[in-house]
């Protein structure tokens, strides 16, 4: 079943695993000029390959989740010492990182290169990143919400904007307290700062294609 990427920015530490798709499927944060600028997308790719959420990386590095998110989106440029702290936690070397920066950006993501994520403490909701290493500001996912599964009783809010297309199943969505019942072919879009949550009332999984900006993972 598919859940709109409703609250991805609030997601607690979850687990991430890579799998082949079956046919359904007081640290110094001052900016430092130089080649480390613009490496955010590469750091994000390394984090996802390691199977870490932003929250988990924050725990390992002692850096805040918001700061790490800004680094990955190239809003903040880390110092060399901060960068080393991050790559050490990810188990990669600076030399590898810089080699990747000199390489080409991935244009096509094959099914076996997708990254599947589950949220700790939440049953029945799966997020599959369709572009797991975006350098840009847009993230696209396949969200599946099992029958009866939901994002929780409380609505979520975070910065950004979201758009979702329901492919199959049905989904109840609440945006700013207003209830919408989605059926295949329906599209929902809203500012992520608006309280939102969802629930699958049906007997089959709800599956959506979901996009959000900035990336939530």
C-alpha atoms as a PDB file:
ATOM      1  CA  UNK A   1       0.000   0.000   0.000  1.00  0.00           C
ATOM      2  CA  UNK A   2       1.106   3.376  -0.643  1.00  0.00           C
ATOM      3  CA  UNK A   3       1.531   6.271   1.589  1.00  0.00           C
ATOM      4  CA  UNK A   4       2.054   9.710   0.509  1.00  0.00           C
ATOM      5  CA  UNK A   5       5.362  10.943   1.581  1.00  0.00           C
ATOM      6  CA  UNK A   6       3.430  12.830   4.096  1.00  0.00           C
ATOM      7  CA  UNK A   7       5.719  13.017   6.951  1.00  0.00           C
ATOM      8  CA  UNK A   8       8.987  11.819   5.660  1.00  0.00           C
ATOM      9  CA  UNK A   9      10.873  14.701   7.191  1.00  0.00           C
ATOM     10  CA  UNK A  10       9.604  13.707  10.647  1.00  0.00           C
ATOM     11  CA  UNK A  11      10.405  10.032  10.250  1.00  0.00           C
ATOM     12  CA  UNK A  12      12.163   8.521  13.263  1.00  0.00           C
ATOM     13  CA  UNK A  13      15.115   6.270  12.804  1.00  0.00           C
ATOM     14  CA  UNK A  14      14.070   3.636  10.308  1.00  0.00           C
ATOM     15  CA  UNK A  15      15.746   0.844   8.463  1.00  0.00           C
ATOM     16  CA  UNK A  16      16.763   0.955   4.887  1.00  0.00           C
ATOM     17  CA  UNK A  17      17.616  -2.020   2.799  1.00  0.00           C
ATOM     18  CA  UNK A  18      18.533  -2.430  -0.820  1.00  0.00           C
ATOM     19  CA  UNK A  19      16.783  -5.164  -2.721  1.00  0.00           C
ATOM     20  CA  UNK A  20      15.989  -6.210  -6.248  1.00  0.00           C
ATOM     21  CA  UNK A  21      12.490  -5.140  -7.168  1.00  0.00           C
ATOM     22  CA  UNK A  22      10.124  -7.977  -7.832  1.00  0.00           C
ATOM     23  CA  UNK A  23       7.807  -7.239 -10.641  1.00  0.00           C
ATOM     24  CA  UNK A  24       5.518  -5.069  -8.626  1.00  0.00           C
ATOM     25  CA  UNK A  25       7.717  -3.776  -7.600  1.00  0.00           C
ATOM     26  CA  UNK A  26      30.994  22.022  19.153  1.00  0.00           C
ATOM     27  CA  UNK A  27      31.672  21.418  15.660  1.00  0.00           C
ATOM     28  CA  UNK A  28      32.456  24.160  13.186  1.00  0.00           C
ATOM     29  CA  UNK A  29      29.758  24.485  10.554  1.00  0.00           C
ATOM     30  CA  UNK A  30      31.229  27.419   8.686  1.00  0.00           C
ATOM     31  CA  UNK A  31      31.239  27.179   4.927  1.00  0.00           C
ATOM     32  CA  UNK A  32      34.449  26.077   3.316  1.00  0.00           C
ATOM     33  CA  UNK A  33      35.146  26.922  -0.311  1.00  0.00           C
ATOM     34  CA  UNK A  34      36.624  24.271  -2.544  1.00  0.00           C
ATOM     35  CA  UNK A  35      35.633  21.010  -4.071  1.00  0.00           C
ATOM     36  CA  UNK A  36      33.708  19.801  -1.027  1.00  0.00           C
ATOM     37  CA  UNK A  37      30.990  22.260  -2.040  1.00  0.00           C
ATOM     38  CA  UNK A  38      28.316  20.525  -4.066  1.00  0.00           C
ATOM     39  CA  UNK A  39      28.930  17.049  -2.623  1.00  0.00           C
ATOM     40  CA  UNK A  40      25.545  16.809  -0.928  1.00  0.00           C
ATOM     41  CA  UNK A  41      24.033  14.377  -3.418  1.00  0.00           C
ATOM     42  CA  UNK A  42      27.039  12.067  -3.096  1.00  0.00           C
ATOM     43  CA  UNK A  43      26.843  12.082   0.683  1.00  0.00           C
ATOM     44  CA  UNK A  44      23.164  11.253   0.457  1.00  0.00           C
ATOM     45  CA  UNK A  45      23.847   8.348  -1.883  1.00  0.00           C
ATOM     46  CA  UNK A  46      26.509   6.970   0.481  1.00  0.00           C
ATOM     47  CA  UNK A  47      24.096   7.296   3.417  1.00  0.00           C
ATOM     48  CA  UNK A  48      21.325   5.420   1.627  1.00  0.00           C
ATOM     49  CA  UNK A  49      23.728   2.700   0.504  1.00  0.00           C
ATOM     50  CA  UNK A  50      24.761   2.302   4.135  1.00  0.00           C
ATOM     51  CA  UNK A  51      21.127   1.967   5.142  1.00  0.00           C
ATOM     52  CA  UNK A  52      20.985   5.024   7.399  1.00  0.00           C
ATOM     53  CA  UNK A  53      18.225   7.585   7.830  1.00  0.00           C
ATOM     54  CA  UNK A  54      19.179  11.189   8.528  1.00  0.00           C
ATOM     55  CA  UNK A  55      18.260  10.596  12.160  1.00  0.00           C
ATOM     56  CA  UNK A  56      20.647   7.650  12.433  1.00  0.00           C
ATOM     57  CA  UNK A  57      23.488   9.626  10.853  1.00  0.00           C
ATOM     58  CA  UNK A  58      22.789  12.487  13.257  1.00  0.00           C
ATOM     59  CA  UNK A  59      23.159  10.053  16.172  1.00  0.00           C
ATOM     60  CA  UNK A  60      26.456   8.727  14.841  1.00  0.00           C
ATOM     61  CA  UNK A  61      28.009  12.106  14.072  1.00  0.00           C
ATOM     62  CA  UNK A  62      26.580  14.327  16.806  1.00  0.00           C
ATOM     63  CA  UNK A  63      25.391  16.725  14.102  1.00  0.00           C
ATOM     64  CA  UNK A  64      21.782  17.842  13.906  1.00  0.00           C
ATOM     65  CA  UNK A  65      19.372  16.272  11.452  1.00  0.00           C
ATOM     66  CA  UNK A  66      18.525  19.667   9.965  1.00  0.00           C
ATOM     67  CA  UNK A  67      22.189  20.489   9.425  1.00  0.00           C
ATOM     68  CA  UNK A  68      22.857  17.153   7.710  1.00  0.00           C
ATOM     69  CA  UNK A  69      19.793  17.657   5.533  1.00  0.00           C
ATOM     70  CA  UNK A  70      21.111  21.083   4.501  1.00  0.00           C
ATOM     71  CA  UNK A  71      24.516  19.596   3.703  1.00  0.00           C
ATOM     72  CA  UNK A  72      22.933  16.943   1.482  1.00  0.00           C
ATOM     73  CA  UNK A  73      20.952  19.629  -0.334  1.00  0.00           C
ATOM     74  CA  UNK A  74      24.078  21.806  -0.664  1.00  0.00           C
ATOM     75  CA  UNK A  75      22.475  24.546   1.423  1.00  0.00           C
ATOM     76  CA  UNK A  76      25.371  24.302   3.895  1.00  0.00           C
ATOM     77  CA  UNK A  77      28.955  23.534   2.916  1.00  0.00           C
ATOM     78  CA  UNK A  78      30.796  21.589   5.656  1.00  0.00           C
ATOM     79  CA  UNK A  79      34.354  22.183   6.829  1.00  0.00           C
ATOM     80  CA  UNK A  80      36.879  19.467   6.098  1.00  0.00           C
ATOM     81  CA  UNK A  81      36.722  18.304   9.744  1.00  0.00           C
ATOM     82  CA  UNK A  82      32.929  18.082   9.634  1.00  0.00           C
ATOM     83  CA  UNK A  83      33.046  16.320   6.283  1.00  0.00           C
ATOM     84  CA  UNK A  84      35.508  13.783   7.677  1.00  0.00           C
ATOM     85  CA  UNK A  85      33.160  13.135  10.631  1.00  0.00           C
ATOM     86  CA  UNK A  86      30.322  12.418   8.212  1.00  0.00           C
ATOM     87  CA  UNK A  87      32.256  10.137   5.857  1.00  0.00           C
ATOM     88  CA  UNK A  88      33.779   8.236   8.797  1.00  0.00           C
ATOM     89  CA  UNK A  89      30.275   7.495  10.068  1.00  0.00           C
ATOM     90  CA  UNK A  90      29.310   6.350   6.572  1.00  0.00           C
ATOM     91  CA  UNK A  91      32.383   4.177   6.202  1.00  0.00           C
ATOM     92  CA  UNK A  92      33.597   5.863   3.021  1.00  0.00           C
ATOM     93  CA  UNK A  93      36.791   7.743   2.263  1.00  0.00           C
ATOM     94  CA  UNK A  94      37.187  11.344   1.187  1.00  0.00           C
ATOM     95  CA  UNK A  95      39.115  10.174  -1.854  1.00  0.00           C
ATOM     96  CA  UNK A  96      36.208   7.980  -2.964  1.00  0.00           C
ATOM     97  CA  UNK A  97      33.824  10.869  -2.444  1.00  0.00           C
ATOM     98  CA  UNK A  98      35.876  13.207  -4.587  1.00  0.00           C
ATOM     99  CA  UNK A  99      36.254  10.554  -7.290  1.00  0.00           C
ATOM    100  CA  UNK A 100      32.473  10.265  -7.418  1.00  0.00           C
ATOM    101  CA  UNK A 101      32.114  14.030  -7.696  1.00  0.00           C
ATOM    102  CA  UNK A 102      34.297  13.969 -10.787  1.00  0.00           C
ATOM    103  CA  UNK A 103      32.148  11.219 -12.322  1.00  0.00           C
ATOM    104  CA  UNK A 104      28.829  11.485 -14.103  1.00  0.00           C
ATOM    105  CA  UNK A 105      25.476  11.931 -12.447  1.00  0.00           C
ATOM    106  CA  UNK A 106      23.210   8.887 -12.702  1.00  0.00           C
ATOM    107  CA  UNK A 107      20.574   9.617 -15.324  1.00  0.00           C
ATOM    108  CA  UNK A 108      18.767   6.255 -15.307  1.00  0.00           C
ATOM    109  CA  UNK A 109      18.007   4.179 -12.191  1.00  0.00           C
ATOM    110  CA  UNK A 110      17.387   0.505 -12.948  1.00  0.00           C
ATOM    111  CA  UNK A 111      14.863  -1.499 -10.900  1.00  0.00           C
ATOM    112  CA  UNK A 112      17.647  -3.318  -9.031  1.00  0.00           C
ATOM    113  CA  UNK A 113      19.240   0.007  -8.074  1.00  0.00           C
ATOM    114  CA  UNK A 114      16.205   1.255  -6.174  1.00  0.00           C
ATOM    115  CA  UNK A 115      16.338   1.672  -2.417  1.00  0.00           C
ATOM    116  CA  UNK A 116      13.510   0.414  -0.211  1.00  0.00           C
ATOM    117  CA  UNK A 117      12.854   1.972   3.171  1.00  0.00           C
ATOM    118  CA  UNK A 118      10.633   1.082   6.095  1.00  0.00           C
ATOM    119  CA  UNK A 119       9.790   3.284   9.054  1.00  0.00           C
ATOM    120  CA  UNK A 120      10.745   2.037  12.503  1.00  0.00           C
ATOM    121  CA  UNK A 121       7.673   1.384  14.621  1.00  0.00           C
ATOM    122  CA  UNK A 122       5.265   1.683  11.694  1.00  0.00           C
ATOM    123  CA  UNK A 123       3.887  -1.502  10.190  1.00  0.00           C
ATOM    124  CA  UNK A 124       2.646  -1.886   6.651  1.00  0.00           C
ATOM    125  CA  UNK A 125       4.176   1.185   5.019  1.00  0.00           C
ATOM    126  CA  UNK A 126       7.010   0.900   2.500  1.00  0.00           C
ATOM    127  CA  UNK A 127       8.847   3.656   0.638  1.00  0.00           C
ATOM    128  CA  UNK A 128      10.864   2.766  -2.467  1.00  0.00           C
ATOM    129  CA  UNK A 129      13.093   5.563  -3.747  1.00  0.00           C
ATOM    130  CA  UNK A 130      12.930   5.653  -7.530  1.00  0.00           C
ATOM    131  CA  UNK A 131      15.793   8.155  -7.775  1.00  0.00           C
ATOM    132  CA  UNK A 132      17.940   7.178  -4.748  1.00  0.00           C
ATOM    133  CA  UNK A 133      20.781   9.597  -5.436  1.00  0.00           C
ATOM    134  CA  UNK A 134      19.243  12.815  -6.707  1.00  0.00           C
ATOM    135  CA  UNK A 135      21.570  15.771  -6.917  1.00  0.00           C
ATOM    136  CA  UNK A 136      18.583  18.020  -7.373  1.00  0.00           C
ATOM    137  CA  UNK A 137      15.776  18.978  -5.042  1.00  0.00           C
ATOM    138  CA  UNK A 138      13.109  16.531  -6.155  1.00  0.00           C
ATOM    139  CA  UNK A 139      12.561  13.053  -4.705  1.00  0.00           C
ATOM    140  CA  UNK A 140      10.298  10.451  -6.294  1.00  0.00           C
ATOM    141  CA  UNK A 141       9.033   7.369  -4.478  1.00  0.00           C
ATOM    142  CA  UNK A 142       6.759   4.408  -4.851  1.00  0.00           C
ATOM    143  CA  UNK A 143       4.729   4.218  -1.632  1.00  0.00           C
ATOM    144  CA  UNK A 144       2.804   1.172  -0.560  1.00  0.00           C
ATOM    145  CA  UNK A 145       0.349   1.173   2.345  1.00  0.00           C
ATOM    146  CA  UNK A 146      -1.018  -2.160   3.533  1.00  0.00           C
ATOM    147  CA  UNK A 147      -4.728  -2.588   4.340  1.00  0.00           C
ATOM    148  CA  UNK A 148      -5.478  -0.832   7.602  1.00  0.00           C
ATOM    149  CA  UNK A 149      -2.046   0.802   7.786  1.00  0.00           C
ATOM    150  CA  UNK A 150      -1.682   4.531   8.341  1.00  0.00           C
ATOM    151  CA  UNK A 151       0.775   7.323   9.018  1.00  0.00           C
ATOM    152  CA  UNK A 152      -0.515   7.528  12.581  1.00  0.00           C
ATOM    153  CA  UNK A 153      -3.313   9.254  14.433  1.00  0.00           C
ATOM    154  CA  UNK A 154      -1.609  12.627  14.532  1.00  0.00           C
ATOM    155  CA  UNK A 155      -1.100  14.748  11.405  1.00  0.00           C
ATOM    156  CA  UNK A 156       2.446  15.673  10.382  1.00  0.00           C
ATOM    157  CA  UNK A 157       3.981  18.871   9.058  1.00  0.00           C
ATOM    158  CA  UNK A 158       7.367  19.748   7.590  1.00  0.00           C
ATOM    159  CA  UNK A 159       8.876  22.099   5.041  1.00  0.00           C
ATOM    160  CA  UNK A 160       8.286  21.421   1.370  1.00  0.00           C
ATOM    161  CA  UNK A 161       5.658  20.444  -1.158  1.00  0.00           C
ATOM    162  CA  UNK A 162       4.195  17.047  -2.147  1.00  0.00           C
ATOM    163  CA  UNK A 163       2.299  15.520  -5.041  1.00  0.00           C
ATOM    164  CA  UNK A 164       0.988  11.957  -5.153  1.00  0.00           C
ATOM    165  CA  UNK A 165      -0.816   9.845  -7.755  1.00  0.00           C
ATOM    166  CA  UNK A 166      -2.770   6.809  -6.537  1.00  0.00           C
ATOM    167  CA  UNK A 167      -2.168   3.887  -8.887  1.00  0.00           C
ATOM    168  CA  UNK A 168      -4.202   1.173  -7.186  1.00  0.00           C
ATOM    169  CA  UNK A 169      -6.233   0.531  -4.046  1.00  0.00           C
ATOM    170  CA  UNK A 170      -7.812   3.338  -2.050  1.00  0.00           C
ATOM    171  CA  UNK A 171      -6.512   5.863   0.437  1.00  0.00           C
ATOM    172  CA  UNK A 172      -8.104   8.227   2.937  1.00  0.00           C
ATOM    173  CA  UNK A 173      -6.131  11.448   3.162  1.00  0.00           C
ATOM    174  CA  UNK A 174      -6.570  14.355   5.550  1.00  0.00           C
ATOM    175  CA  UNK A 175      -5.072  17.723   4.625  1.00  0.00           C
ATOM    176  CA  UNK A 176      -5.578  20.559   7.101  1.00  0.00           C
ATOM    177  CA  UNK A 177      -8.365  18.551   8.736  1.00  0.00           C
ATOM    178  CA  UNK A 178     -10.314  18.044   5.504  1.00  0.00           C
ATOM    179  CA  UNK A 179     -10.935  14.404   4.525  1.00  0.00           C
ATOM    180  CA  UNK A 180     -10.400  13.193   0.944  1.00  0.00           C
ATOM    181  CA  UNK A 181     -11.087   9.656  -0.282  1.00  0.00           C
ATOM    182  CA  UNK A 182      -8.694   8.755  -3.092  1.00  0.00           C
ATOM    183  CA  UNK A 183      -9.325   6.115  -5.755  1.00  0.00           C
ATOM    184  CA  UNK A 184      -7.026   5.045  -8.637  1.00  0.00           C
ATOM    185  CA  UNK A 185      -6.150   7.952 -10.900  1.00  0.00           C
ATOM    186  CA  UNK A 186      -6.679  10.616  -8.216  1.00  0.00           C
ATOM    187  CA  UNK A 187      -3.869  13.090  -7.529  1.00  0.00           C
ATOM    188  CA  UNK A 188      -3.326  14.916  -4.252  1.00  0.00           C
ATOM    189  CA  UNK A 189      -1.018  17.906  -3.856  1.00  0.00           C
ATOM    190  CA  UNK A 190      -0.351  20.258  -0.966  1.00  0.00           C
ATOM    191  CA  UNK A 191       2.223  22.309   0.921  1.00  0.00           C
ATOM    192  CA  UNK A 192       3.907  20.021   3.448  1.00  0.00           C
ATOM    193  CA  UNK A 193       3.608  22.702   6.121  1.00  0.00           C
ATOM    194  CA  UNK A 194      -0.127  21.906   6.117  1.00  0.00           C
ATOM    195  CA  UNK A 195      -1.043  19.184   8.664  1.00  0.00           C
ATOM    196  CA  UNK A 196      -1.605  15.910   6.816  1.00  0.00           C
ATOM    197  CA  UNK A 197      -2.020  12.192   7.422  1.00  0.00           C
ATOM    198  CA  UNK A 198      -3.378   9.115   5.634  1.00  0.00           C
ATOM    199  CA  UNK A 199      -4.945   5.692   6.151  1.00  0.00           C
ATOM    200  CA  UNK A 200      -5.744   2.752   3.886  1.00  0.00           C
ATOM    201  CA  UNK A 201      -9.373   1.731   4.539  1.00  0.00           C
ATOM    202  CA  UNK A 202      -9.406  -0.932   1.828  1.00  0.00           C
ATOM    203  CA  UNK A 203      -8.769  -4.663   1.688  1.00  0.00           C
ATOM    204  CA  UNK A 204      -5.844  -4.406  -0.733  1.00  0.00           C
ATOM    205  CA  UNK A 205      -2.590  -2.417  -0.642  1.00  0.00           C
ATOM    206  CA  UNK A 206      -2.725   1.193  -1.775  1.00  0.00           C
ATOM    207  CA  UNK A 207       0.083   2.026  -4.200  1.00  0.00           C
ATOM    208  CA  UNK A 208       1.132   5.549  -5.163  1.00  0.00           C
ATOM    209  CA  UNK A 209       3.824   7.379  -7.034  1.00  0.00           C
ATOM    210  CA  UNK A 210       4.869  10.191  -4.730  1.00  0.00           C
ATOM    211  CA  UNK A 211       7.116  13.197  -5.231  1.00  0.00           C
ATOM    212  CA  UNK A 212       8.289  15.713  -2.699  1.00  0.00           C
ATOM    213  CA  UNK A 213      10.691  18.584  -2.520  1.00  0.00           C
ATOM    214  CA  UNK A 214      13.051  18.961  -0.801  1.00  0.00           C
ATOM    215  CA  UNK A 215      13.928  15.246  -0.493  1.00  0.00           C
ATOM    216  CA  UNK A 216      12.796  13.670   2.769  1.00  0.00           C
ATOM    217  CA  UNK A 217      15.391  10.891   2.883  1.00  0.00           C
END
